[in-house]
């Protein structure tokens, strides 16, 4: 997870160890955002039944990054999982294996394209919580290193393949992004691919790249005092300090 903070006068960047969860890696039912991927979901708070959005409109095969964010957010919103990502409710859609690990069934075998169950388990959720915790703690560390707070940020650009379909409200609900007004967020798509293409086809863009690189200060998170404390605190839904997320405080 690469993050840049700046304005017309300065740029400061850092990289956090978010891992591959947002591309479907380390998730038992994870996949890339291609045909058959569940990319959005809502869950009925009473029945715990899901309503799925699937890329291509056919039966689902697995869960992509944006769908993963939605699923965890909805499981937490409906009280199916607690702040530690453990299952707190039982029902038709919630099962436990022989060692007691719970899972939420997104699609039963007859509902999936593969004829196999699609489910998100507690190990998957734990991997996701650590990934979102890495992103949030990096944001907070980057801001605090310069004496800023989240409410002083005027605009957040969300990049990458996942950035075209992410539900920002749900990303805030689970503590991945700071709790600031939704209108401050915008999507810029796959910026690394667009930037590489521009650099290869434009001498002006290549010069601009060199200029930006030289003017950017890199912050090594592992050497920052308090970063690990920030990370550990962020490994809950949404955070150990719920006052950071007033929009979703009960």
Protein backbone atom coordinates (compact mmCIF):
# COMPACT_ATOMS: atom_id res chain seq x y z
CA UNK A 1 0.00 0.00 0.00
CA UNK A 2 1.73 3.14 -1.24
CA UNK A 3 0.57 6.44 0.25
CA UNK A 4 1.57 10.00 -0.68
CA UNK A 5 0.74 13.13 1.31
CA UNK A 6 1.37 16.54 -0.14
CA UNK A 7 0.35 19.79 -1.78
CA UNK A 8 1.89 22.22 -4.25
CA UNK A 9 4.89 22.70 -1.95
CA UNK A 10 5.89 19.20 -0.78
CA UNK A 11 5.35 15.45 -1.21
CA UNK A 12 5.98 12.77 1.41
CA UNK A 13 5.50 9.06 0.69
CA UNK A 14 5.47 5.79 2.58
CA UNK A 15 4.73 2.13 1.86
CA UNK A 16 2.89 -0.19 4.23
CA UNK A 17 2.78 -3.98 4.30
CA UNK A 18 -0.87 -4.45 3.36
CA UNK A 19 -0.18 -7.73 1.59
CA UNK A 20 -2.23 -9.24 -1.24
CA UNK A 21 -5.65 -9.40 0.50
CA UNK A 22 -7.15 -6.64 -1.65
CA UNK A 23 -6.27 -8.59 -4.81
CA UNK A 24 -7.81 -11.78 -3.40
CA UNK A 25 -4.56 -13.22 -2.04
CA UNK A 26 -4.47 -14.93 1.39
CA UNK A 27 -8.28 -15.20 1.20
CA UNK A 28 -9.72 -18.71 0.86
CA UNK A 29 -12.38 -17.63 -1.64
CA UNK A 30 -10.41 -14.68 -3.04
CA UNK A 31 -9.95 -13.86 -6.72
CA UNK A 32 -9.16 -10.93 -8.98
CA UNK A 33 -11.91 -8.56 -10.09
CA UNK A 34 -12.87 -10.54 -13.20
CA UNK A 35 -16.05 -12.28 -14.40
CA UNK A 36 -17.65 -14.25 -11.59
CA UNK A 37 -16.19 -12.18 -8.75
CA UNK A 38 -18.51 -10.88 -6.03
CA UNK A 39 -17.69 -7.16 -6.08
CA UNK A 40 -20.39 -5.83 -3.72
CA UNK A 41 -22.72 -7.22 -1.08
CA UNK A 42 -25.39 -6.20 1.41
CA UNK A 43 -26.58 -8.41 4.27
CA UNK A 44 -30.03 -8.37 5.85
CA UNK A 45 -29.56 -7.58 9.54
CA UNK A 46 -32.40 -9.88 10.64
CA UNK A 47 -32.14 -12.89 8.33
CA UNK A 48 -28.38 -12.61 7.66
CA UNK A 49 -29.14 -13.38 3.99
CA UNK A 50 -26.80 -11.71 1.43
CA UNK A 51 -27.62 -9.82 -1.74
CA UNK A 52 -24.68 -10.19 -4.10
CA UNK A 53 -23.41 -8.14 -7.01
CA UNK A 54 -21.35 -10.34 -9.36
CA UNK A 55 -19.14 -9.09 -12.20
CA UNK A 56 -20.70 -10.33 -15.43
CA UNK A 57 -24.06 -11.01 -13.79
CA UNK A 58 -23.63 -14.79 -13.62
CA UNK A 59 -23.32 -17.13 -10.62
CA UNK A 60 -20.36 -16.26 -8.37
CA UNK A 61 -16.95 -17.94 -8.37
CA UNK A 62 -15.24 -16.04 -5.56
CA UNK A 63 -14.70 -12.72 -3.83
CA UNK A 64 -12.57 -9.80 -5.07
CA UNK A 65 -11.13 -6.89 -3.08
CA UNK A 66 -14.09 -4.52 -3.18
CA UNK A 67 -16.43 -7.38 -2.30
CA UNK A 68 -14.17 -8.35 0.59
CA UNK A 69 -14.38 -4.83 2.05
CA UNK A 70 -18.18 -4.89 1.69
CA UNK A 71 -18.51 -8.35 3.23
CA UNK A 72 -16.47 -7.55 6.33
CA UNK A 73 -18.23 -4.19 6.72
CA UNK A 74 -21.66 -5.79 6.42
CA UNK A 75 -20.80 -8.66 8.79
CA UNK A 76 -19.67 -6.08 11.33
CA UNK A 77 -22.62 -3.73 10.76
CA UNK A 78 -25.13 -6.53 11.32
CA UNK A 79 -23.36 -7.87 14.42
CA UNK A 80 -22.51 -11.19 12.78
CA UNK A 81 -18.86 -10.61 13.70
CA UNK A 82 -17.46 -8.59 16.59
CA UNK A 83 -14.68 -6.01 16.64
CA UNK A 84 -12.06 -8.80 16.68
CA UNK A 85 -13.53 -10.41 13.57
CA UNK A 86 -14.97 -13.39 15.44
CA UNK A 87 -18.47 -14.67 14.75
CA UNK A 88 -20.98 -13.52 17.33
CA UNK A 89 -24.20 -14.82 15.77
CA UNK A 90 -25.35 -18.19 14.44
CA UNK A 91 -27.77 -19.14 11.70
CA UNK A 92 -28.17 -20.79 8.31
CA UNK A 93 -25.35 -18.75 6.80
CA UNK A 94 -22.89 -19.19 9.68
CA UNK A 95 -21.04 -22.48 10.16
CA UNK A 96 -18.09 -23.68 12.24
CA UNK A 97 -15.55 -26.33 11.26
CA UNK A 98 -14.24 -29.19 13.39
CA UNK A 99 -11.81 -26.91 15.27
CA UNK A 100 -14.38 -24.19 15.84
CA UNK A 101 -13.36 -21.69 13.14
CA UNK A 102 -16.45 -19.85 11.95
CA UNK A 103 -17.33 -18.90 8.40
CA UNK A 104 -20.04 -16.93 6.63
CA UNK A 105 -21.50 -18.63 3.57
CA UNK A 106 -21.77 -16.19 0.68
CA UNK A 107 -23.06 -18.85 -1.70
CA UNK A 108 -24.12 -22.45 -1.13
CA UNK A 109 -22.90 -25.03 -3.70
CA UNK A 110 -26.10 -24.77 -5.72
CA UNK A 111 -25.76 -20.96 -5.79
CA UNK A 112 -22.17 -20.85 -7.10
CA UNK A 113 -20.78 -21.30 -10.59
CA UNK A 114 -18.34 -23.99 -9.45
CA UNK A 115 -20.76 -26.13 -7.47
CA UNK A 116 -18.68 -25.46 -4.37
CA UNK A 117 -19.48 -23.38 -1.32
CA UNK A 118 -18.12 -19.82 -1.27
CA UNK A 119 -17.44 -18.69 2.29
CA UNK A 120 -15.38 -16.17 4.23
CA UNK A 121 -13.85 -17.61 7.40
CA UNK A 122 -12.27 -16.13 10.52
CA UNK A 123 -8.74 -16.68 9.20
CA UNK A 124 -9.65 -14.70 6.07
CA UNK A 125 -11.14 -11.93 8.19
CA UNK A 126 -8.04 -11.83 10.40
CA UNK A 127 -5.83 -11.47 7.31
CA UNK A 128 -8.05 -8.68 6.05
CA UNK A 129 -8.08 -6.83 9.38
CA UNK A 130 -4.28 -6.82 9.44
CA UNK A 131 -4.20 -5.52 5.84
CA UNK A 132 -6.64 -2.69 6.52
CA UNK A 133 -4.85 -1.98 9.81
CA UNK A 134 -1.58 -1.54 7.92
CA UNK A 135 -3.18 1.02 5.61
CA UNK A 136 -4.88 3.04 8.35
CA UNK A 137 -1.84 3.07 10.64
CA UNK A 138 0.36 4.20 7.75
CA UNK A 139 -2.04 7.04 6.96
CA UNK A 140 -2.10 8.17 10.58
CA UNK A 141 1.68 7.89 10.96
CA UNK A 142 2.29 9.86 7.78
CA UNK A 143 -0.08 12.60 8.89
CA UNK A 144 1.22 12.80 12.47
CA UNK A 145 4.85 12.94 11.29
CA UNK A 146 4.04 16.33 9.77
CA UNK A 147 1.71 17.49 12.52
CA UNK A 148 -1.52 17.01 10.56
CA UNK A 149 -4.83 15.36 11.49
CA UNK A 150 -7.25 13.59 9.10
CA UNK A 151 -9.76 16.46 9.12
CA UNK A 152 -7.09 18.76 7.64
CA UNK A 153 -6.87 16.65 4.48
CA UNK A 154 -8.78 18.35 1.67
CA UNK A 155 -8.83 15.54 -0.90
CA UNK A 156 -8.05 11.81 -1.03
CA UNK A 157 -7.37 10.09 -4.36
CA UNK A 158 -7.90 6.32 -4.27
CA UNK A 159 -5.77 4.57 -6.89
CA UNK A 160 -5.27 1.03 -8.16
CA UNK A 161 -7.57 -1.54 -9.70
CA UNK A 162 -9.59 -1.81 -6.49
CA UNK A 163 -10.04 1.96 -6.51
CA UNK A 164 -12.63 1.80 -9.27
CA UNK A 165 -15.18 -0.17 -7.28
CA UNK A 166 -14.46 0.35 -3.60
CA UNK A 167 -17.32 1.44 -1.34
CA UNK A 168 -15.67 4.28 0.60
CA UNK A 169 -18.36 4.35 3.28
CA UNK A 170 -17.71 0.68 4.05
CA UNK A 171 -13.94 1.23 3.94
CA UNK A 172 -14.38 3.89 6.64
CA UNK A 173 -16.79 1.68 8.61
CA UNK A 174 -14.19 -1.04 9.05
CA UNK A 175 -11.36 1.41 9.78
CA UNK A 176 -9.40 1.29 6.53
CA UNK A 177 -9.78 5.00 5.72
CA UNK A 178 -10.10 7.95 8.13
CA UNK A 179 -13.61 9.08 8.99
CA UNK A 180 -13.80 12.22 6.87
CA UNK A 181 -16.62 13.41 4.53
CA UNK A 182 -17.25 11.11 1.57
CA UNK A 183 -17.13 14.01 -0.89
CA UNK A 184 -13.40 14.37 -0.19
CA UNK A 185 -12.72 10.99 -1.85
CA UNK A 186 -12.30 10.39 -5.57
CA UNK A 187 -11.12 7.49 -7.75
CA UNK A 188 -8.25 7.83 -10.21
CA UNK A 189 -8.10 4.20 -11.42
CA UNK A 190 -4.91 2.30 -12.20
CA UNK A 191 -2.54 5.25 -11.82
CA UNK A 192 0.68 3.17 -11.95
CA UNK A 193 -0.25 1.69 -15.34
CA UNK A 194 -1.37 5.07 -16.68
CA UNK A 195 1.84 6.67 -15.40
CA UNK A 196 4.07 4.00 -16.95
CA UNK A 197 2.28 4.37 -20.29
CA UNK A 198 2.63 8.17 -20.19
CA UNK A 199 6.34 7.94 -19.33
CA UNK A 200 7.03 5.57 -22.23
CA UNK A 201 5.18 7.65 -24.77
CA UNK A 202 5.99 11.20 -23.65
CA UNK A 203 9.35 12.84 -22.99
CA UNK A 204 7.57 15.53 -20.99
CA UNK A 205 5.97 12.90 -18.75
CA UNK A 206 9.35 11.19 -18.24
CA UNK A 207 10.88 14.51 -17.16
CA UNK A 208 7.94 15.12 -14.84
CA UNK A 209 8.46 11.69 -13.29
CA UNK A 210 12.08 12.55 -12.49
CA UNK A 211 11.02 15.89 -11.04
CA UNK A 212 8.37 14.31 -8.81
CA UNK A 213 10.75 11.57 -7.61
CA UNK A 214 13.42 14.10 -6.67
CA UNK A 215 10.96 16.28 -4.77
CA UNK A 216 9.39 13.43 -2.76
CA UNK A 217 10.59 12.60 0.74
CA UNK A 218 10.28 8.92 1.71
CA UNK A 219 9.20 8.03 5.23
CA UNK A 220 10.37 4.61 6.45
CA UNK A 221 7.52 3.45 8.70
CA UNK A 222 9.56 0.80 10.50
CA UNK A 223 11.82 3.48 11.96
CA UNK A 224 8.99 5.72 13.13
CA UNK A 225 8.43 5.72 16.91
CA UNK A 226 4.93 4.54 17.71
CA UNK A 227 4.16 3.03 14.31
CA UNK A 228 3.77 -0.51 15.65
CA UNK A 229 1.50 0.79 18.41
CA UNK A 230 -0.60 2.49 15.72
CA UNK A 231 -0.74 -0.76 13.75
CA UNK A 232 -1.77 -2.92 16.70
CA UNK A 233 -4.48 -0.40 17.66
CA UNK A 234 -5.83 -0.51 14.10
CA UNK A 235 -6.19 -4.32 14.07
CA UNK A 236 -9.78 -4.15 15.32
CA UNK A 237 -13.07 -3.13 13.68
CA UNK A 238 -12.94 -0.25 13.21
CA UNK A 239 -10.22 0.56 15.76
CA UNK A 240 -9.48 0.30 19.48
CA UNK A 241 -10.22 4.03 19.67
CA UNK A 242 -13.78 4.25 18.34
CA UNK A 243 -13.77 8.03 18.81
CA UNK A 244 -11.76 8.17 15.57
CA UNK A 245 -14.90 7.00 13.75
CA UNK A 246 -17.74 9.17 15.07
CA UNK A 247 -19.90 8.53 11.99
CA UNK A 248 -20.29 4.89 13.01
CA UNK A 249 -20.14 5.07 16.79
CA UNK A 250 -23.18 3.54 18.45
